[in-house]
Amino acid sequence: MNIELPFFSYGIFRPGEIPFLGIEHYIEKIEKLTIKGCVRVRDGVFLFSEQYENDVNGYLIHFKSHLGESAYDFINSLEPDKLFRWSVKLDENSNPFNLLIGKSPNKGSESIQELHNNYSTTKDPYFTTGLAMLNEFKLPEWDWELKGSFEIQMRYMFLWTIIERFTFLRYSLGANTNKRVHLLEKNEYFISGLKKYVSNERKIFNTQDLEHEVLKLDNPKKAIKFYYQVRNNLTHRGKGISKDYYILIECYNELFKIIQFVIKNTLDECKKNKEKYGRKD
């Protein structure tokens, strides 16, 4: 792949999408471009196919000469070889550009038309319907039958599903879940949210080896490990005693507010990029 060539973005790297934020600072200029082909969508990932001759609207992204390698390193860090293959195409003036073509694009995917032509990572159901459902959730009271305890467990695990979905789109399509989640420690909105919504520093023990993680307001790395350890404890053993019920309630309250704050500000940032580059769809 020639890193000196511009990159044609037709899906999740378009201005206004969450993954675009990962390459934004490497860009010199962006041009609108239409090429022939078609686009399929699988689990939020846009896959270009050469099987059809439809118009595919996108953006030709030119990277700064000294940052092209870094830009493509970021794109490649998403491990496109599992989902894509690189190809060089020519525009109407015979100028070459790099294009990611989907591997087996028809398997488990939907056409843009089936998605009403308006699919966007910013409208992902986990960030709309999912967060709305959690907003409607009323925290359960403690009861000896443990119904409240089980209910808060389910909500906490679903919250982590939303977090993992967000980090999948924001940081990597290929890196393992644990690595992606821990990249939140450098997220400016997570750092601000931690200071905004958490006031109680405390520790949690690993149920397997009794090592502990400490929640510190000025240490986002430790905070992520703390909340993630609570999640892992749930998968390794059930929560039953009253002490664990209150641990979960506190963690859920804090983390839900933080993640809402992170996603809201990220989507606001995406909206500004969409307007900046004149994207209408």
C-alpha atoms as a PDB file:
ATOM      1  CA  MET A   1       0.000   0.000   0.000  1.00  0.00           C
ATOM      2  CA  ASN A   2       1.277   3.439  -0.956  1.00  0.00           C
ATOM      3  CA  ILE A   3       0.841   5.699   2.078  1.00  0.00           C
ATOM      4  CA  GLU A   4       1.382   8.769  -0.100  1.00  0.00           C
ATOM      5  CA  LEU A   5      -1.976   8.215  -1.781  1.00  0.00           C
ATOM      6  CA  PRO A   6      -5.239   9.651  -0.436  1.00  0.00           C
ATOM      7  CA  PHE A   7      -7.807   7.397   1.230  1.00  0.00           C
ATOM      8  CA  PHE A   8     -11.375   7.041  -0.055  1.00  0.00           C
ATOM      9  CA  SER A   9     -13.815   6.870   2.847  1.00  0.00           C
ATOM     10  CA  TYR A  10     -17.336   5.591   2.167  1.00  0.00           C
ATOM     11  CA  GLY A  11     -18.442   4.389   5.580  1.00  0.00           C
ATOM     12  CA  ILE A  12     -17.339   4.655   9.175  1.00  0.00           C
ATOM     13  CA  PHE A  13     -14.402   6.945   8.364  1.00  0.00           C
ATOM     14  CA  ARG A  14     -16.613   9.623   6.838  1.00  0.00           C
ATOM     15  CA  PRO A  15     -16.731  13.005   8.610  1.00  0.00           C
ATOM     16  CA  GLY A  16     -19.392  12.822  11.284  1.00  0.00           C
ATOM     17  CA  GLU A  17     -18.768   9.168  12.178  1.00  0.00           C
ATOM     18  CA  ILE A  18     -17.181   8.030  15.434  1.00  0.00           C
ATOM     19  CA  PRO A  19     -14.111   6.294  13.885  1.00  0.00           C
ATOM     20  CA  PHE A  20     -13.339   9.467  11.879  1.00  0.00           C
ATOM     21  CA  LEU A  21     -12.133  10.993  15.154  1.00  0.00           C
ATOM     22  CA  GLY A  22      -9.168   8.623  15.061  1.00  0.00           C
ATOM     23  CA  ILE A  23      -7.774  10.075  11.834  1.00  0.00           C
ATOM     24  CA  GLU A  24      -9.007  13.657  12.062  1.00  0.00           C
ATOM     25  CA  HIS A  25      -5.729  15.188  13.230  1.00  0.00           C
ATOM     26  CA  TYR A  26      -3.773  13.686  10.312  1.00  0.00           C
ATOM     27  CA  ILE A  27      -5.885  15.277   7.568  1.00  0.00           C
ATOM     28  CA  GLU A  28      -4.719  17.977   5.162  1.00  0.00           C
ATOM     29  CA  LYS A  29      -7.864  18.244   3.039  1.00  0.00           C
ATOM     30  CA  ILE A  30     -11.040  16.375   2.138  1.00  0.00           C
ATOM     31  CA  GLU A  31     -12.854  16.223  -1.206  1.00  0.00           C
ATOM     32  CA  LYS A  32     -16.230  14.683  -2.017  1.00  0.00           C
ATOM     33  CA  LEU A  33     -16.041  11.839  -4.529  1.00  0.00           C
ATOM     34  CA  THR A  34     -18.444   9.336  -6.100  1.00  0.00           C
ATOM     35  CA  ILE A  35     -17.235   5.968  -7.392  1.00  0.00           C
ATOM     36  CA  LYS A  36     -18.928   2.841  -8.745  1.00  0.00           C
ATOM     37  CA  GLY A  37     -19.673  -0.204  -6.600  1.00  0.00           C
ATOM     38  CA  CYS A  38     -21.975  -0.832  -3.652  1.00  0.00           C
ATOM     39  CA  VAL A  39     -21.834  -0.790   0.130  1.00  0.00           C
ATOM     40  CA  ARG A  40     -23.018  -3.443   2.582  1.00  0.00           C
ATOM     41  CA  VAL A  41     -23.247  -3.019   6.359  1.00  0.00           C
ATOM     42  CA  ARG A  42     -22.304  -5.715   8.856  1.00  0.00           C
ATOM     43  CA  ASP A  43     -22.426  -4.970  12.590  1.00  0.00           C
ATOM     44  CA  GLY A  44     -21.912  -1.276  11.986  1.00  0.00           C
ATOM     45  CA  VAL A  45     -19.032  -1.793   9.551  1.00  0.00           C
ATOM     46  CA  PHE A  46     -19.389  -0.561   5.967  1.00  0.00           C
ATOM     47  CA  LEU A  47     -18.028  -3.026   3.401  1.00  0.00           C
ATOM     48  CA  PHE A  48     -17.356  -1.928  -0.174  1.00  0.00           C
ATOM     49  CA  SER A  49     -18.205  -4.451  -2.885  1.00  0.00           C
ATOM     50  CA  GLU A  50     -17.210  -4.394  -6.545  1.00  0.00           C
ATOM     51  CA  GLN A  51     -20.073  -6.708  -7.521  1.00  0.00           C
ATOM     52  CA  TYR A  52     -22.463  -3.906  -8.503  1.00  0.00           C
ATOM     53  CA  GLU A  53     -22.252  -0.627 -10.370  1.00  0.00           C
ATOM     54  CA  ASN A  54     -24.157   1.700  -8.070  1.00  0.00           C
ATOM     55  CA  ASP A  55     -23.012   5.193  -7.142  1.00  0.00           C
ATOM     56  CA  VAL A  56     -21.061   5.172  -3.888  1.00  0.00           C
ATOM     57  CA  ASN A  57     -20.693   8.624  -2.389  1.00  0.00           C
ATOM     58  CA  GLY A  58     -17.749   9.250  -0.139  1.00  0.00           C
ATOM     59  CA  TYR A  59     -14.800  11.443   0.744  1.00  0.00           C
ATOM     60  CA  LEU A  60     -11.283  11.454  -0.632  1.00  0.00           C
ATOM     61  CA  ILE A  61      -9.109  12.138   2.385  1.00  0.00           C
ATOM     62  CA  HIS A  62      -5.640  13.583   1.813  1.00  0.00           C
ATOM     63  CA  PHE A  63      -3.273  13.213   4.753  1.00  0.00           C
ATOM     64  CA  LYS A  64      -0.497  15.609   5.651  1.00  0.00           C
ATOM     65  CA  SER A  65       2.700  14.437   3.965  1.00  0.00           C
ATOM     66  CA  HIS A  66       4.575  13.804   7.199  1.00  0.00           C
ATOM     67  CA  LEU A  67       1.572  12.144   8.870  1.00  0.00           C
ATOM     68  CA  GLY A  68       0.424   9.747   6.161  1.00  0.00           C
ATOM     69  CA  GLU A  69       2.186   6.832   7.803  1.00  0.00           C
ATOM     70  CA  SER A  70       0.593   7.607  11.179  1.00  0.00           C
ATOM     71  CA  ALA A  71      -2.835   7.919   9.574  1.00  0.00           C
ATOM     72  CA  TYR A  72      -2.593   4.582   7.819  1.00  0.00           C
ATOM     73  CA  ASP A  73      -1.095   3.020  10.931  1.00  0.00           C
ATOM     74  CA  PHE A  74      -4.257   4.016  12.777  1.00  0.00           C
ATOM     75  CA  ILE A  75      -6.489   2.609  10.041  1.00  0.00           C
ATOM     76  CA  ASN A  76      -4.439  -0.579   9.974  1.00  0.00           C
ATOM     77  CA  SER A  77      -4.561  -0.829  13.772  1.00  0.00           C
ATOM     78  CA  LEU A  78      -8.213  -1.669  13.270  1.00  0.00           C
ATOM     79  CA  GLU A  79      -6.912  -4.861  11.630  1.00  0.00           C
ATOM     80  CA  PRO A  80      -8.608  -4.380   8.267  1.00  0.00           C
ATOM     81  CA  ASP A  81      -7.035  -7.598   6.952  1.00  0.00           C
ATOM     82  CA  LYS A  82      -9.745  -9.490   8.845  1.00  0.00           C
ATOM     83  CA  LEU A  83     -12.508  -7.476   7.203  1.00  0.00           C
ATOM     84  CA  PHE A  84     -10.947  -5.794   4.184  1.00  0.00           C
ATOM     85  CA  ARG A  85      -8.267  -5.906   1.547  1.00  0.00           C
ATOM     86  CA  TRP A  86      -6.496  -2.842   0.177  1.00  0.00           C
ATOM     87  CA  SER A  87      -6.898  -1.860  -3.454  1.00  0.00           C
ATOM     88  CA  VAL A  88      -5.797   1.101  -5.574  1.00  0.00           C
ATOM     89  CA  LYS A  89      -8.442   2.707  -7.778  1.00  0.00           C
ATOM     90  CA  LEU A  90      -8.487   5.687 -10.122  1.00  0.00           C
ATOM     91  CA  ASP A  91     -10.786   8.700 -10.010  1.00  0.00           C
ATOM     92  CA  GLU A  92     -12.302  10.272 -13.146  1.00  0.00           C
ATOM     93  CA  ASN A  93      -9.043  12.150 -13.745  1.00  0.00           C
ATOM     94  CA  SER A  94      -6.996   8.946 -13.422  1.00  0.00           C
ATOM     95  CA  ASN A  95      -5.596   9.962 -10.056  1.00  0.00           C
ATOM     96  CA  PRO A  96      -4.966   6.930  -7.803  1.00  0.00           C
ATOM     97  CA  PHE A  97      -6.329   6.477  -4.299  1.00  0.00           C
ATOM     98  CA  ASN A  98      -6.437   3.751  -1.667  1.00  0.00           C
ATOM     99  CA  LEU A  99      -9.677   1.879  -1.051  1.00  0.00           C
ATOM    100  CA  LEU A 100     -10.683  -0.757   1.495  1.00  0.00           C
ATOM    101  CA  ILE A 101     -12.721  -3.487  -0.178  1.00  0.00           C
ATOM    102  CA  GLY A 102     -14.761  -5.786   2.039  1.00  0.00           C
ATOM    103  CA  LYS A 103     -13.981  -9.459   2.330  1.00  0.00           C
ATOM    104  CA  SER A 104     -17.089 -11.605   1.752  1.00  0.00           C
ATOM    105  CA  PRO A 105     -19.241  -8.454   1.936  1.00  0.00           C
ATOM    106  CA  ASN A 106     -22.530 -10.316   1.420  1.00  0.00           C
ATOM    107  CA  LYS A 107     -22.125 -12.638   4.402  1.00  0.00           C
ATOM    108  CA  GLY A 108     -24.219 -11.552   7.393  1.00  0.00           C
ATOM    109  CA  SER A 109     -24.652  -8.043   6.006  1.00  0.00           C
ATOM    110  CA  GLU A 110     -27.435  -5.730   4.891  1.00  0.00           C
ATOM    111  CA  SER A 111     -27.572  -3.302   2.018  1.00  0.00           C
ATOM    112  CA  ILE A 112     -27.655   0.442   2.634  1.00  0.00           C
ATOM    113  CA  GLN A 113     -31.163   0.460   1.159  1.00  0.00           C
ATOM    114  CA  GLU A 114     -32.348  -2.105   3.718  1.00  0.00           C
ATOM    115  CA  LEU A 115     -31.095   0.258   6.411  1.00  0.00           C
ATOM    116  CA  HIS A 116     -33.135   3.109   4.877  1.00  0.00           C
ATOM    117  CA  ASN A 117     -29.930   4.720   3.606  1.00  0.00           C
ATOM    118  CA  ASN A 118     -29.284   6.572   6.859  1.00  0.00           C
ATOM    119  CA  TYR A 119     -27.230   4.204   8.979  1.00  0.00           C
ATOM    120  CA  SER A 120     -24.626   5.963  11.094  1.00  0.00           C
ATOM    121  CA  THR A 121     -22.412   4.965  13.991  1.00  0.00           C
ATOM    122  CA  THR A 122     -23.810   8.003  15.807  1.00  0.00           C
ATOM    123  CA  LYS A 123     -27.294   6.475  15.588  1.00  0.00           C
ATOM    124  CA  ASP A 124     -26.192   3.073  16.796  1.00  0.00           C
ATOM    125  CA  PRO A 125     -29.078   1.429  18.737  1.00  0.00           C
ATOM    126  CA  TYR A 126     -26.844   0.876  21.764  1.00  0.00           C
ATOM    127  CA  PHE A 127     -26.332   4.642  22.077  1.00  0.00           C
ATOM    128  CA  THR A 128     -29.979   5.511  21.422  1.00  0.00           C
ATOM    129  CA  THR A 129     -32.393   2.788  22.483  1.00  0.00           C
ATOM    130  CA  GLY A 130     -29.917   1.160  24.873  1.00  0.00           C
ATOM    131  CA  LEU A 131     -29.110   4.302  26.847  1.00  0.00           C
ATOM    132  CA  ALA A 132     -32.781   5.331  26.814  1.00  0.00           C
ATOM    133  CA  MET A 133     -33.760   1.996  28.376  1.00  0.00           C
ATOM    134  CA  LEU A 134     -31.177   2.411  31.114  1.00  0.00           C
ATOM    135  CA  ASN A 135     -32.445   5.942  31.728  1.00  0.00           C
ATOM    136  CA  GLU A 136     -35.907   4.518  32.367  1.00  0.00           C
ATOM    137  CA  PHE A 137     -34.530   1.974  34.817  1.00  0.00           C
ATOM    138  CA  LYS A 138     -35.421   2.528  38.463  1.00  0.00           C
ATOM    139  CA  LEU A 139     -32.817   1.301  40.900  1.00  0.00           C
ATOM    140  CA  PRO A 140     -34.167  -1.723  42.808  1.00  0.00           C
ATOM    141  CA  GLU A 141     -34.399  -1.960  46.564  1.00  0.00           C
ATOM    142  CA  TRP A 142     -32.528  -4.612  48.518  1.00  0.00           C
ATOM    143  CA  ASP A 143     -34.596  -7.749  49.134  1.00  0.00           C
ATOM    144  CA  TRP A 144     -33.804 -11.110  50.692  1.00  0.00           C
ATOM    145  CA  GLU A 145     -34.875 -12.977  47.564  1.00  0.00           C
ATOM    146  CA  LEU A 146     -32.090 -11.112  45.717  1.00  0.00           C
ATOM    147  CA  LYS A 147     -34.357  -9.928  42.879  1.00  0.00           C
ATOM    148  CA  GLY A 148     -33.005  -6.409  43.200  1.00  0.00           C
ATOM    149  CA  SER A 149     -29.451  -7.697  43.270  1.00  0.00           C
ATOM    150  CA  PHE A 150     -29.953  -9.758  40.127  1.00  0.00           C
ATOM    151  CA  GLU A 151     -31.644  -6.866  38.365  1.00  0.00           C
ATOM    152  CA  ILE A 152     -28.800  -4.422  39.002  1.00  0.00           C
ATOM    153  CA  GLN A 153     -26.366  -7.109  37.833  1.00  0.00           C
ATOM    154  CA  MET A 154     -28.188  -7.335  34.515  1.00  0.00           C
ATOM    155  CA  ARG A 155     -28.212  -3.575  34.092  1.00  0.00           C
ATOM    156  CA  TYR A 156     -24.527  -3.263  34.933  1.00  0.00           C
ATOM    157  CA  MET A 157     -23.594  -5.955  32.419  1.00  0.00           C
ATOM    158  CA  PHE A 158     -25.721  -4.304  29.735  1.00  0.00           C
ATOM    159  CA  LEU A 159     -24.005  -1.000  30.485  1.00  0.00           C
ATOM    160  CA  TRP A 160     -20.702  -2.737  29.790  1.00  0.00           C
ATOM    161  CA  THR A 161     -22.105  -4.028  26.510  1.00  0.00           C
ATOM    162  CA  ILE A 162     -22.713  -0.394  25.544  1.00  0.00           C
ATOM    163  CA  ILE A 163     -19.209   0.580  26.674  1.00  0.00           C
ATOM    164  CA  GLU A 164     -17.634  -2.222  24.660  1.00  0.00           C
ATOM    165  CA  ARG A 165     -19.680  -1.248  21.633  1.00  0.00           C
ATOM    166  CA  PHE A 166     -18.533   2.375  21.952  1.00  0.00           C
ATOM    167  CA  THR A 167     -14.849   1.495  22.319  1.00  0.00           C
ATOM    168  CA  PHE A 168     -15.180  -0.915  19.380  1.00  0.00           C
ATOM    169  CA  LEU A 169     -16.177   2.007  17.155  1.00  0.00           C
ATOM    170  CA  ARG A 170     -14.015   4.701  18.745  1.00  0.00           C
ATOM    171  CA  TYR A 171     -10.713   2.867  19.078  1.00  0.00           C
ATOM    172  CA  SER A 172     -10.487  -0.413  17.206  1.00  0.00           C
ATOM    173  CA  LEU A 173     -12.414  -2.914  15.156  1.00  0.00           C
ATOM    174  CA  GLY A 174      -9.808  -5.578  15.768  1.00  0.00           C
ATOM    175  CA  ALA A 175      -8.081  -5.174  19.126  1.00  0.00           C
ATOM    176  CA  ASN A 176      -9.315  -7.328  21.985  1.00  0.00           C
ATOM    177  CA  THR A 177     -12.123  -6.025  24.167  1.00  0.00           C
ATOM    178  CA  ASN A 178      -9.981  -5.552  27.274  1.00  0.00           C
ATOM    179  CA  LYS A 179      -7.434  -3.415  25.418  1.00  0.00           C
ATOM    180  CA  ARG A 180     -10.113  -1.255  23.796  1.00  0.00           C
ATOM    181  CA  VAL A 181     -11.898  -0.628  27.088  1.00  0.00           C
ATOM    182  CA  HIS A 182      -8.717   0.503  28.783  1.00  0.00           C
ATOM    183  CA  LEU A 183      -8.103   3.107  26.078  1.00  0.00           C
ATOM    184  CA  LEU A 184     -10.870   5.077  27.790  1.00  0.00           C
ATOM    185  CA  GLU A 185      -8.289   6.133  30.366  1.00  0.00           C
ATOM    186  CA  LYS A 186      -7.005   8.670  27.798  1.00  0.00           C
ATOM    187  CA  ASN A 187     -10.444   9.847  26.711  1.00  0.00           C
ATOM    188  CA  GLU A 188     -10.887  13.496  27.688  1.00  0.00           C
ATOM    189  CA  TYR A 189     -14.602  13.063  28.317  1.00  0.00           C
ATOM    190  CA  PHE A 190     -14.054  10.031  30.540  1.00  0.00           C
ATOM    191  CA  ILE A 191     -11.475  11.960  32.552  1.00  0.00           C
ATOM    192  CA  SER A 192     -13.866  14.900  32.970  1.00  0.00           C
ATOM    193  CA  GLY A 193     -16.810  12.621  33.741  1.00  0.00           C
ATOM    194  CA  LEU A 194     -14.846  10.808  36.414  1.00  0.00           C
ATOM    195  CA  LYS A 195     -14.180  14.077  38.240  1.00  0.00           C
ATOM    196  CA  LYS A 196     -17.747  15.260  37.668  1.00  0.00           C
ATOM    197  CA  TYR A 197     -19.686  12.229  38.892  1.00  0.00           C
ATOM    198  CA  VAL A 198     -17.460  10.367  41.375  1.00  0.00           C
ATOM    199  CA  SER A 199     -16.660  11.570  44.870  1.00  0.00           C
ATOM    200  CA  ASN A 200     -15.982   8.367  46.793  1.00  0.00           C
ATOM    201  CA  GLU A 201     -12.573   6.709  46.421  1.00  0.00           C
ATOM    202  CA  ARG A 202     -12.574   3.011  47.355  1.00  0.00           C
ATOM    203  CA  LYS A 203     -11.215  -0.441  46.485  1.00  0.00           C
ATOM    204  CA  ILE A 204     -12.602  -3.700  45.120  1.00  0.00           C
ATOM    205  CA  PHE A 205     -11.105  -7.186  45.402  1.00  0.00           C
ATOM    206  CA  ASN A 206     -10.675  -9.716  42.628  1.00  0.00           C
ATOM    207  CA  THR A 207     -12.787 -12.736  43.620  1.00  0.00           C
ATOM    208  CA  GLN A 208     -10.233 -15.150  42.170  1.00  0.00           C
ATOM    209  CA  ASP A 209      -6.885 -14.035  43.585  1.00  0.00           C
ATOM    210  CA  LEU A 210      -7.952 -11.377  46.151  1.00  0.00           C
ATOM    211  CA  GLU A 211      -5.819  -8.719  44.450  1.00  0.00           C
ATOM    212  CA  HIS A 212      -7.512  -5.339  44.640  1.00  0.00           C
ATOM    213  CA  GLU A 213      -8.188  -2.368  42.376  1.00  0.00           C
ATOM    214  CA  VAL A 214      -8.480   1.149  43.763  1.00  0.00           C
ATOM    215  CA  LEU A 215     -10.861   3.795  42.427  1.00  0.00           C
ATOM    216  CA  LYS A 216      -9.042   7.136  42.324  1.00  0.00           C
ATOM    217  CA  LEU A 217     -10.555  10.327  40.962  1.00  0.00           C
ATOM    218  CA  ASP A 218      -7.245  11.637  39.623  1.00  0.00           C
ATOM    219  CA  ASN A 219      -6.222   8.334  38.038  1.00  0.00           C
ATOM    220  CA  PRO A 220      -8.490   7.314  35.114  1.00  0.00           C
ATOM    221  CA  LYS A 221      -6.377   4.219  34.456  1.00  0.00           C
ATOM    222  CA  LYS A 222      -7.106   2.870  37.931  1.00  0.00           C
ATOM    223  CA  ALA A 223     -10.755   3.911  37.628  1.00  0.00           C
ATOM    224  CA  ILE A 224     -11.243   1.835  34.471  1.00  0.00           C
ATOM    225  CA  LYS A 225      -9.574  -1.149  36.129  1.00  0.00           C
ATOM    226  CA  PHE A 226     -11.819  -0.706  39.159  1.00  0.00           C
ATOM    227  CA  TYR A 227     -15.106  -0.650  37.233  1.00  0.00           C
ATOM    228  CA  TYR A 228     -13.918  -3.438  34.949  1.00  0.00           C
ATOM    229  CA  GLN A 229     -13.007  -5.593  37.937  1.00  0.00           C
ATOM    230  CA  VAL A 230     -16.541  -5.224  39.261  1.00  0.00           C
ATOM    231  CA  ARG A 231     -17.762  -6.427  35.876  1.00  0.00           C
ATOM    232  CA  ASN A 232     -15.372  -9.382  35.917  1.00  0.00           C
ATOM    233  CA  ASN A 233     -16.445 -10.341  39.427  1.00  0.00           C
ATOM    234  CA  LEU A 234     -19.992 -10.679  38.101  1.00  0.00           C
ATOM    235  CA  THR A 235     -18.910 -13.128  35.425  1.00  0.00           C
ATOM    236  CA  HIS A 236     -16.832 -15.194  37.862  1.00  0.00           C
ATOM    237  CA  ARG A 237     -19.377 -15.494  40.622  1.00  0.00           C
ATOM    238  CA  GLY A 238     -22.878 -14.277  41.361  1.00  0.00           C
ATOM    239  CA  LYS A 239     -23.555 -11.296  43.595  1.00  0.00           C
ATOM    240  CA  GLY A 240     -25.584 -12.284  46.587  1.00  0.00           C
ATOM    241  CA  ILE A 241     -24.687 -10.635  49.857  1.00  0.00           C
ATOM    242  CA  SER A 242     -25.972  -7.184  50.756  1.00  0.00           C
ATOM    243  CA  LYS A 243     -22.514  -5.605  50.700  1.00  0.00           C
ATOM    244  CA  ASP A 244     -22.030  -6.562  47.054  1.00  0.00           C
ATOM    245  CA  TYR A 245     -25.481  -5.247  46.198  1.00  0.00           C
ATOM    246  CA  TYR A 246     -24.534  -1.783  47.448  1.00  0.00           C
ATOM    247  CA  ILE A 247     -21.172  -1.937  45.663  1.00  0.00           C
ATOM    248  CA  LEU A 248     -23.021  -2.573  42.415  1.00  0.00           C
ATOM    249  CA  ILE A 249     -25.567   0.183  42.959  1.00  0.00           C
ATOM    250  CA  GLU A 250     -22.819   2.736  43.551  1.00  0.00           C
ATOM    251  CA  CYS A 251     -20.707   1.592  40.604  1.00  0.00           C
ATOM    252  CA  TYR A 252     -23.674   1.475  38.254  1.00  0.00           C
ATOM    253  CA  ASN A 253     -24.826   4.974  39.186  1.00  0.00           C
ATOM    254  CA  GLU A 254     -21.379   6.467  38.650  1.00  0.00           C
ATOM    255  CA  LEU A 255     -20.378   4.610  35.515  1.00  0.00           C
ATOM    256  CA  PHE A 256     -23.717   5.138  33.783  1.00  0.00           C
ATOM    257  CA  LYS A 257     -23.453   8.899  34.253  1.00  0.00           C
ATOM    258  CA  ILE A 258     -19.835   8.909  33.083  1.00  0.00           C
ATOM    259  CA  ILE A 259     -20.563   6.897  29.933  1.00  0.00           C
ATOM    260  CA  GLN A 260     -23.601   9.006  29.075  1.00  0.00           C
ATOM    261  CA  PHE A 261     -21.318  12.041  29.358  1.00  0.00           C
ATOM    262  CA  VAL A 262     -18.653  10.412  27.169  1.00  0.00           C
ATOM    263  CA  ILE A 263     -21.062   9.361  24.427  1.00  0.00           C
ATOM    264  CA  LYS A 264     -22.985  12.650  24.392  1.00  0.00           C
ATOM    265  CA  ASN A 265     -19.822  14.712  23.992  1.00  0.00           C
ATOM    266  CA  THR A 266     -18.434  12.331  21.387  1.00  0.00           C
ATOM    267  CA  LEU A 267     -21.620  12.568  19.330  1.00  0.00           C
ATOM    268  CA  ASP A 268     -21.554  16.356  19.639  1.00  0.00           C
ATOM    269  CA  GLU A 269     -18.004  16.285  18.282  1.00  0.00           C
ATOM    270  CA  CYS A 270     -19.142  14.090  15.394  1.00  0.00           C
ATOM    271  CA  LYS A 271     -21.983  16.489  14.581  1.00  0.00           C
ATOM    272  CA  LYS A 272     -19.545  19.391  14.365  1.00  0.00           C
ATOM    273  CA  ASN A 273     -17.342  17.418  11.957  1.00  0.00           C
ATOM    274  CA  LYS A 274     -20.336  16.549   9.815  1.00  0.00           C
ATOM    275  CA  GLU A 275     -21.241  20.221   9.526  1.00  0.00           C
ATOM    276  CA  LYS A 276     -17.635  21.279   9.009  1.00  0.00           C
ATOM    277  CA  TYR A 277     -17.193  19.048   5.959  1.00  0.00           C
ATOM    278  CA  GLY A 278     -20.655  19.648   4.509  1.00  0.00           C
ATOM    279  CA  ARG A 279     -22.013  16.156   4.837  1.00  0.00           C
ATOM    280  CA  LYS A 280     -25.784  16.229   4.216  1.00  0.00           C
ATOM    281  CA  ASP A 281     -26.904  12.610   4.645  1.00  0.00           C
END
